[in-house]
Amino acid sequence: MAINNKGKVELSSSGFQPNPDYDMPDYQLALNNATGIGEYVGNLPSGEKYMAVSVLISQGNSAYSAIRVIVSMTKVDGQIYTTVFFIGIFSVLVLVLLLILGFYFIKSIVSPLRQVSQIARKLAIGDFSVRAEIKSDDEIGELCRVFNYMADELENSETIKNEFISSVSHELRTPLTAIKGWSETIMEMRDQDTLKKGMKVIIAETERLSGMVEELLDFSRIQNGRFTLQRSNMDILAELADALLMYSERAVHEGITINYSEPDTVAMIYGDKNRIRQVFINIIDNAIKYSGSGGVINVEAAISANRISISVSDSGCGISEADLPKVKQRFYKANNTVRGSGIGLAVADEIISMHEGSLDIESKLGVGTTVTITLPIIQKKAEENQDQ
């Protein structure tokens, strides 16, 4: 629109000629504005929304005072509404997706962790029967597997502990009962034969109790890291022969034959002779305990290169394949019908390990068991240098 000097619309690009009282707020704003520009957004009498801009022009000899541009906002508003609508739809979809992902997150991560937390509380109060349900193969599933493994180990440890307490209680009660009974008998009787017999029983049972207590103390020292060795050069075959001699009379009494194949050479090791003898005593004692009357125990020693291997084989009841990997564990007993604390092999294995050796067990149920001890020996050159 071209506005004349009188403030009336003179020309219009649309050919529209407004009436004389046509309101142009933007033109009035341009007249009052130092920049000569006026802007206005409003509604026509018909209700249509519009935007108008008037710009004053230089007066000079021109018959016009301003140029006015007016445009309908209908399409603009429609575009805005459309954009807002799609943005709104997109936002709703994003929110729904976030809700779905949130529920999935809670179900796949938070719920299993909450389950593990609840199970941990039950384990803390001693309920070892609970297990975590594994629903996935991801990190959460692996956590549940590890947690279940921990629960299995705790349950197994609790079972072994209870069996150990029961076994030790029985082992302690038997010699104490014998000592008490024979003590009462000796006090009431004056027969010398009965007195000697009773004193032998009391001494034997006292030694048995002392051995059990010593095993428990050794195990406690191992657990606390206070188990030490008093090492020196020693003849390991001499210690083995002494241990076999200690059990020879008992073996004959129980109808068990012990065969010993001894090398002609001397085998020197650097170790604790008392601890090595303790290992031999434990192994031979087990062989006798698990072999019935008429059984045979074969003991062999072989030297090769810089090591000596000592094997003790019995013809006893043997150990099952399921129990064999566990027999060196603390408190574990494959056969609860035979007396013992279940820690002798664990202590023996630790002693041999501290001597840089190995203790291996081979067994077949109903056939027998072979225990092989392998230790490094002192080289002859080293012995000659020490003698010099």
Protein backbone atom coordinates (compact mmCIF):
# COMPACT_ATOMS: atom_id res chain seq x y z
CA MET A 1 0.00 0.00 0.00
CA ALA A 2 1.11 3.55 -0.77
CA ILE A 3 -0.11 6.12 1.75
CA ASN A 4 -0.50 9.73 0.62
CA ASN A 5 0.36 12.84 2.57
CA LYS A 6 -3.09 12.86 4.12
CA GLY A 7 -2.59 9.45 5.70
CA LYS A 8 -4.96 7.67 3.32
CA VAL A 9 -4.30 4.62 1.20
CA GLU A 10 -3.71 5.86 -2.32
CA LEU A 11 -2.58 2.67 -4.03
CA SER A 12 -2.76 -1.06 -3.20
CA SER A 13 -1.09 -4.01 -4.96
CA SER A 14 -4.22 -6.07 -4.46
CA GLY A 15 -6.47 -3.37 -5.85
CA PHE A 16 -8.18 -3.21 -2.49
CA GLN A 17 -9.38 0.30 -1.63
CA PRO A 18 -10.17 0.66 2.08
CA ASN A 19 -12.87 2.95 3.39
CA PRO A 20 -11.90 6.40 4.72
CA ASP A 21 -11.97 5.33 8.38
CA TYR A 22 -9.63 2.36 7.78
CA ASP A 23 -7.48 1.93 10.89
CA MET A 24 -3.70 1.65 10.39
CA PRO A 25 -2.04 1.43 13.88
CA ASP A 26 1.36 0.65 12.38
CA TYR A 27 1.26 3.90 10.33
CA GLN A 28 0.51 5.91 13.48
CA LEU A 29 3.40 4.18 15.23
CA ALA A 30 5.74 5.05 12.33
CA LEU A 31 4.72 8.72 12.56
CA ASN A 32 5.54 8.71 16.29
CA ASN A 33 8.73 6.70 15.97
CA ALA A 34 12.03 8.46 15.36
CA THR A 35 13.11 5.70 12.99
CA GLY A 36 10.02 6.14 10.87
CA ILE A 37 9.09 2.48 11.11
CA GLY A 38 5.96 1.08 12.72
CA GLU A 39 4.97 -2.53 13.27
CA TYR A 40 1.64 -3.99 14.36
CA VAL A 41 0.09 -7.46 14.72
CA GLY A 42 -3.65 -7.70 15.15
CA ASN A 43 -6.94 -8.95 13.75
CA LEU A 44 -9.05 -7.66 10.89
CA PRO A 45 -12.77 -7.03 11.46
CA SER A 46 -13.31 -10.39 9.81
CA GLY A 47 -11.22 -12.02 12.52
CA GLU A 48 -8.26 -12.86 10.31
CA LYS A 49 -4.90 -12.32 11.98
CA TYR A 50 -2.44 -10.06 10.14
CA MET A 51 0.90 -8.33 10.51
CA ALA A 52 1.59 -4.82 9.05
CA VAL A 53 4.73 -2.70 8.71
CA SER A 54 4.74 0.98 7.69
CA VAL A 55 7.88 2.85 6.64
CA LEU A 56 7.88 6.64 6.19
CA ILE A 57 9.47 7.98 3.05
CA SER A 58 11.10 11.32 2.36
CA GLN A 59 8.52 14.05 1.74
CA GLY A 60 10.28 16.09 -0.99
CA ASN A 61 8.01 16.50 -4.00
CA SER A 62 6.48 12.99 -3.48
CA ALA A 63 2.77 12.70 -3.07
CA TYR A 64 3.25 9.76 -0.78
CA SER A 65 4.27 9.76 2.89
CA ALA A 66 4.72 6.05 3.59
CA ILE A 67 4.82 2.54 2.21
CA ARG A 68 2.81 -0.07 4.08
CA VAL A 69 3.12 -3.85 3.77
CA ILE A 70 0.40 -6.09 5.23
CA VAL A 71 0.39 -9.90 5.23
CA SER A 72 -1.98 -12.54 6.56
CA MET A 73 -0.69 -14.69 9.48
CA THR A 74 -3.02 -17.59 8.80
CA LYS A 75 -0.45 -19.74 6.99
CA VAL A 76 2.28 -18.75 9.42
CA ASP A 77 0.12 -19.69 12.39
CA GLY A 78 -0.84 -22.90 10.67
CA GLN A 79 2.82 -23.77 10.14
CA ILE A 80 3.57 -22.92 13.77
CA TYR A 81 0.66 -25.04 14.96
CA THR A 82 1.79 -27.91 12.75
CA THR A 83 5.36 -27.64 14.03
CA VAL A 84 4.18 -27.48 17.64
CA PHE A 85 1.91 -30.47 17.03
CA PHE A 86 4.71 -32.63 15.63
CA ILE A 87 7.10 -31.49 18.35
CA GLY A 88 4.44 -32.43 20.90
CA ILE A 89 3.91 -35.85 19.29
CA PHE A 90 7.68 -36.41 19.18
CA SER A 91 7.98 -35.39 22.84
CA VAL A 92 5.22 -37.79 23.84
CA LEU A 93 6.88 -40.60 21.91
CA VAL A 94 10.21 -39.81 23.58
CA LEU A 95 8.54 -39.84 27.00
CA VAL A 96 6.85 -43.17 26.24
CA LEU A 97 10.17 -44.59 25.03
CA LEU A 98 11.87 -43.33 28.19
CA LEU A 99 9.16 -44.95 30.30
CA ILE A 100 9.56 -48.25 28.45
CA LEU A 101 13.33 -48.11 28.79
CA GLY A 102 12.96 -47.15 32.44
CA PHE A 103 10.71 -50.13 33.13
CA TYR A 104 13.11 -52.39 31.23
CA PHE A 105 16.02 -50.96 33.20
CA ILE A 106 14.20 -51.59 36.47
CA LYS A 107 13.26 -55.10 35.43
CA SER A 108 16.66 -56.09 34.02
CA ILE A 109 18.99 -54.37 36.49
CA VAL A 110 17.31 -52.98 39.57
CA SER A 111 15.07 -56.00 40.20
CA PRO A 112 17.92 -58.57 40.04
CA LEU A 113 20.07 -56.37 42.25
CA ARG A 114 17.21 -56.06 44.71
CA GLN A 115 16.86 -59.84 44.61
CA VAL A 116 20.58 -60.29 45.27
CA SER A 117 20.34 -57.81 48.14
CA GLN A 118 17.47 -59.77 49.70
CA ILE A 119 19.35 -63.03 49.31
CA ALA A 120 22.46 -61.48 50.88
CA ARG A 121 20.40 -60.54 53.93
CA LYS A 122 19.17 -64.14 54.22
CA LEU A 123 22.71 -65.47 53.89
CA ALA A 124 23.79 -63.04 56.61
CA ILE A 125 21.35 -64.63 59.06
CA GLY A 126 22.43 -68.16 58.17
CA ASP A 127 19.92 -69.24 55.50
CA PHE A 128 22.25 -70.83 52.91
CA SER A 129 19.50 -72.49 50.86
CA VAL A 130 18.53 -69.36 48.88
CA ARG A 131 19.79 -68.80 45.33
CA ALA A 132 19.53 -65.96 42.81
CA GLU A 133 17.45 -66.58 39.69
CA ILE A 134 19.52 -66.18 36.51
CA LYS A 135 17.45 -64.54 33.77
CA SER A 136 20.12 -63.26 31.37
CA ASP A 137 23.65 -63.86 30.11
CA ASP A 138 24.87 -60.30 30.66
CA GLU A 139 26.87 -58.84 33.54
CA ILE A 140 23.87 -59.08 35.88
CA GLY A 141 23.51 -62.77 35.04
CA GLU A 142 27.21 -63.29 35.71
CA LEU A 143 26.82 -61.50 39.04
CA CYS A 144 23.98 -63.88 39.95
CA ARG A 145 26.14 -66.89 38.97
CA VAL A 146 29.03 -65.66 41.12
CA PHE A 147 26.63 -64.96 43.97
CA ASN A 148 25.17 -68.47 43.70
CA TYR A 149 28.70 -69.91 43.67
CA MET A 150 29.47 -67.95 46.83
CA ALA A 151 26.26 -69.28 48.42
CA ASP A 152 27.25 -72.85 47.47
CA GLU A 153 30.67 -72.39 49.04
CA LEU A 154 29.16 -70.89 52.19
CA GLU A 155 26.68 -73.74 52.46
CA ASN A 156 29.45 -76.26 51.89
CA SER A 157 31.65 -74.55 54.49
CA GLU A 158 28.78 -74.52 56.96
CA THR A 159 28.14 -78.22 56.35
CA ILE A 160 31.82 -79.08 56.74
CA LYS A 161 32.04 -76.96 59.88
CA ASN A 162 29.04 -78.70 61.44
CA GLU A 163 30.42 -82.12 60.51
CA PHE A 164 33.80 -81.12 61.92
CA ILE A 165 32.27 -79.99 65.21
CA SER A 166 30.28 -83.22 65.42
CA SER A 167 33.31 -85.34 64.51
CA VAL A 168 35.68 -83.58 66.93
CA SER A 169 33.08 -83.73 69.69
CA HIS A 170 32.80 -87.47 69.14
CA GLU A 171 36.57 -87.89 68.92
CA LEU A 172 37.06 -86.00 72.17
CA ARG A 173 34.22 -87.73 73.97
CA THR A 174 35.49 -91.26 73.21
CA PRO A 175 38.95 -90.96 74.85
CA LEU A 176 37.57 -88.85 77.68
CA THR A 177 34.97 -91.53 78.39
CA ALA A 178 37.67 -94.21 78.34
CA ILE A 179 39.94 -92.18 80.64
CA LYS A 180 37.10 -91.47 83.05
CA GLY A 181 35.91 -95.09 83.08
CA TRP A 182 39.35 -96.58 83.68
CA SER A 183 40.14 -93.95 86.30
CA GLU A 184 37.04 -94.92 88.24
CA THR A 185 37.88 -98.60 87.81
CA ILE A 186 41.43 -98.11 89.06
CA MET A 187 40.22 -96.21 92.10
CA GLU A 188 37.86 -99.02 93.09
CA MET A 189 40.15 -101.99 92.31
CA ARG A 190 43.58 -102.99 93.62
CA ASP A 191 44.37 -105.65 91.04
CA GLN A 192 47.80 -104.98 89.50
CA ASP A 193 46.95 -106.42 86.09
CA THR A 194 43.83 -104.29 85.87
CA LEU A 195 45.85 -101.29 87.05
CA LYS A 196 48.48 -101.77 84.34
CA LYS A 197 45.84 -102.34 81.67
CA GLY A 198 43.92 -99.24 82.75
CA MET A 199 47.04 -97.09 82.82
CA LYS A 200 47.97 -98.22 79.30
CA VAL A 201 44.52 -97.23 78.07
CA ILE A 202 44.70 -93.87 79.85
CA ILE A 203 48.16 -93.15 78.43
CA ALA A 204 47.12 -94.18 74.91
CA GLU A 205 43.95 -92.09 74.98
CA THR A 206 45.82 -89.14 76.48
CA GLU A 207 48.36 -89.31 73.63
CA ARG A 208 45.47 -89.50 71.18
CA LEU A 209 43.90 -86.38 72.70
CA SER A 210 47.26 -84.64 72.65
CA GLY A 211 47.68 -85.47 68.95
CA MET A 212 44.24 -84.09 68.12
CA VAL A 213 44.90 -80.88 70.03
CA GLU A 214 48.28 -80.52 68.31
CA GLU A 215 46.61 -80.93 64.90
CA LEU A 216 44.11 -78.21 65.77
CA LEU A 217 46.89 -75.92 66.97
CA ASP A 218 48.89 -76.53 63.79
CA PHE A 219 45.86 -75.76 61.68
CA SER A 220 45.25 -72.57 63.67
CA ARG A 221 48.88 -71.52 63.12
CA ILE A 222 48.56 -72.16 59.38
CA GLN A 223 45.39 -70.08 59.18
CA ASN A 224 47.01 -67.22 61.11
CA GLY A 225 50.29 -67.38 59.19
CA ARG A 226 52.27 -68.32 62.32
CA PHE A 227 53.24 -71.81 61.17
CA THR A 228 57.04 -71.95 60.97
CA LEU A 229 59.66 -74.57 60.12
CA GLN A 230 62.93 -75.32 61.92
CA ARG A 231 64.98 -76.42 58.92
CA SER A 232 68.25 -78.28 58.75
CA ASN A 233 69.87 -80.98 56.62
CA MET A 234 68.11 -84.26 57.40
CA ASP A 235 67.90 -87.84 56.17
CA ILE A 236 64.31 -88.18 55.07
CA LEU A 237 64.54 -91.98 54.71
CA ALA A 238 65.59 -92.27 58.34
CA GLU A 239 62.51 -90.33 59.42
CA LEU A 240 60.33 -92.55 57.23
CA ALA A 241 61.85 -95.68 58.78
CA ASP A 242 61.23 -94.33 62.31
CA ALA A 243 57.59 -93.58 61.46
CA LEU A 244 57.10 -97.09 60.05
CA LEU A 245 58.70 -98.58 63.16
CA MET A 246 56.25 -96.67 65.36
CA TYR A 247 53.31 -98.32 63.58
CA SER A 248 54.76 -101.78 63.03
CA GLU A 249 53.39 -103.24 66.28
CA ARG A 250 49.96 -101.73 65.72
CA ALA A 251 49.86 -103.08 62.16
CA VAL A 252 50.69 -106.59 63.39
CA HIS A 253 48.04 -106.28 66.10
CA GLU A 254 45.38 -105.33 63.53
CA GLY A 255 46.45 -107.99 61.03
CA ILE A 256 47.89 -105.57 58.46
CA THR A 257 51.09 -106.20 56.52
CA ILE A 258 53.49 -103.33 55.81
CA ASN A 259 55.99 -103.77 52.98
CA TYR A 260 58.79 -101.21 52.70
CA SER A 261 61.10 -100.86 49.70
CA GLU A 262 64.03 -98.67 50.75
CA PRO A 263 66.72 -97.31 48.39
CA ASP A 264 70.35 -98.11 49.11
CA THR A 265 71.43 -94.46 48.94
CA VAL A 266 70.97 -91.72 51.50
CA ALA A 267 68.49 -88.98 50.63
CA MET A 268 69.18 -85.65 52.30
CA ILE A 269 66.71 -82.78 52.24
CA TYR A 270 66.68 -79.35 53.80
CA GLY A 271 63.64 -79.41 56.04
CA ASP A 272 62.02 -79.69 59.45
CA LYS A 273 62.47 -83.29 60.63
CA ASN A 274 59.66 -83.10 63.18
CA ARG A 275 57.18 -81.77 60.64
CA ILE A 276 58.22 -84.31 57.99
CA ARG A 277 57.80 -87.11 60.53
CA GLN A 278 54.39 -85.67 61.40
CA VAL A 279 53.40 -85.99 57.73
CA PHE A 280 54.60 -89.61 57.56
CA ILE A 281 52.75 -90.47 60.76
CA ASN A 282 49.53 -88.94 59.40
CA ILE A 283 49.77 -90.79 56.07
CA ILE A 284 50.66 -94.17 57.62
CA ASP A 285 48.00 -93.76 60.31
CA ASN A 286 45.37 -93.10 57.64
CA ALA A 287 46.52 -96.12 55.64
CA ILE A 288 46.11 -98.37 58.69
CA LYS A 289 42.77 -96.85 59.72
CA TYR A 290 41.21 -97.34 56.28
CA SER A 291 42.62 -100.86 55.77
CA GLY A 292 40.82 -103.74 57.40
CA SER A 293 42.29 -106.89 58.86
CA GLY A 294 44.33 -108.71 56.23
CA GLY A 295 45.11 -105.49 54.39
CA VAL A 296 48.47 -104.70 52.82
CA ILE A 297 50.34 -101.38 52.89
CA ASN A 298 53.20 -100.88 50.43
CA VAL A 299 55.71 -98.08 51.06
CA GLU A 300 58.19 -97.23 48.32
CA ALA A 301 60.89 -94.56 48.02
CA ALA A 302 62.49 -93.66 44.70
CA ILE A 303 65.17 -91.08 43.88
CA SER A 304 65.35 -89.50 40.45
CA ALA A 305 67.44 -86.49 39.41
CA ASN A 306 67.12 -83.98 42.24
CA ARG A 307 63.90 -85.22 43.82
CA ILE A 308 62.69 -88.05 46.01
CA SER A 309 59.23 -89.61 45.77
CA ILE A 310 57.73 -91.58 48.65
CA SER A 311 54.46 -93.43 48.02
CA VAL A 312 52.23 -95.11 50.60
CA SER A 313 49.64 -97.44 49.08
CA ASP A 314 46.93 -99.29 51.00
CA SER A 315 44.32 -101.87 50.04
CA GLY A 316 41.57 -100.17 52.00
CA CYS A 317 38.11 -98.89 51.12
CA GLY A 318 39.39 -96.17 48.76
CA ILE A 319 37.92 -92.76 47.98
CA SER A 320 35.18 -91.97 45.45
CA GLU A 321 35.86 -89.70 42.47
CA ALA A 322 33.51 -87.09 43.92
CA ASP A 323 35.34 -86.97 47.27
CA LEU A 324 38.90 -87.25 45.94
CA PRO A 325 39.37 -83.53 45.01
CA LYS A 326 38.15 -82.49 48.47
CA VAL A 327 40.11 -84.76 50.81
CA LYS A 328 42.88 -82.18 51.32
CA GLN A 329 40.38 -79.48 52.25
CA ARG A 330 40.10 -78.46 55.87
CA PHE A 331 37.54 -80.34 57.99
CA TYR A 332 36.58 -82.62 55.07
CA LYS A 333 36.14 -86.32 55.77
CA ALA A 334 35.29 -88.73 52.96
CA ASN A 335 34.38 -91.46 55.43
CA ASN A 336 32.71 -90.36 58.65
CA THR A 337 32.73 -93.88 60.09
CA VAL A 338 36.49 -93.68 60.72
CA ARG A 339 37.80 -91.56 63.60
CA GLY A 340 39.71 -88.40 62.82
CA SER A 341 39.32 -84.62 62.80
CA GLY A 342 39.51 -84.18 59.02
CA ILE A 343 42.36 -81.67 59.15
CA GLY A 344 45.37 -84.03 59.19
CA LEU A 345 45.74 -84.13 55.41
CA ALA A 346 45.22 -80.37 55.15
CA VAL A 347 48.09 -79.81 57.62
CA ALA A 348 50.27 -82.42 55.89
CA ASP A 349 49.69 -80.84 52.49
CA GLU A 350 50.63 -77.42 53.88
CA ILE A 351 53.83 -78.80 55.45
CA ILE A 352 54.91 -80.43 52.18
CA SER A 353 54.09 -77.25 50.23
CA MET A 354 56.26 -75.22 52.62
CA HIS A 355 59.11 -77.65 51.78
CA GLU A 356 58.66 -76.85 48.05
CA GLY A 357 57.18 -80.29 47.47
CA SER A 358 53.84 -81.83 46.55
CA LEU A 359 51.41 -84.29 48.10
CA ASP A 360 49.29 -86.16 45.55
CA ILE A 361 46.49 -88.64 46.20
CA GLU A 362 45.25 -91.33 43.85
CA SER A 363 42.40 -93.59 44.83
CA LYS A 364 39.72 -95.90 43.54
CA LEU A 365 36.65 -96.80 45.57
CA GLY A 366 36.87 -100.35 46.89
CA VAL A 367 40.45 -100.84 45.65
CA GLY A 368 42.69 -98.60 47.74
CA THR A 369 44.53 -95.31 47.98
CA THR A 370 48.05 -94.18 47.10
CA VAL A 371 49.58 -91.05 48.63
CA THR A 372 52.74 -89.79 46.92
CA ILE A 373 55.04 -87.24 48.54
CA THR A 374 57.63 -85.56 46.33
CA LEU A 375 60.39 -83.36 47.77
CA PRO A 376 63.60 -81.77 46.45
CA ILE A 377 66.80 -83.34 47.73
CA ILE A 378 70.18 -81.74 48.38
CA GLN A 379 72.66 -82.30 45.55
CA LYS A 380 75.86 -84.17 46.33
CA LYS A 381 78.01 -81.22 45.30
CA ALA A 382 76.17 -79.00 47.75
CA GLU A 383 76.74 -81.60 50.49
CA GLU A 384 80.46 -81.83 49.73
CA ASN A 385 80.79 -78.03 49.86
CA GLN A 386 79.05 -77.96 53.23
CA ASP A 387 81.33 -80.72 54.58
CA GLN A 388 84.40 -78.79 53.41
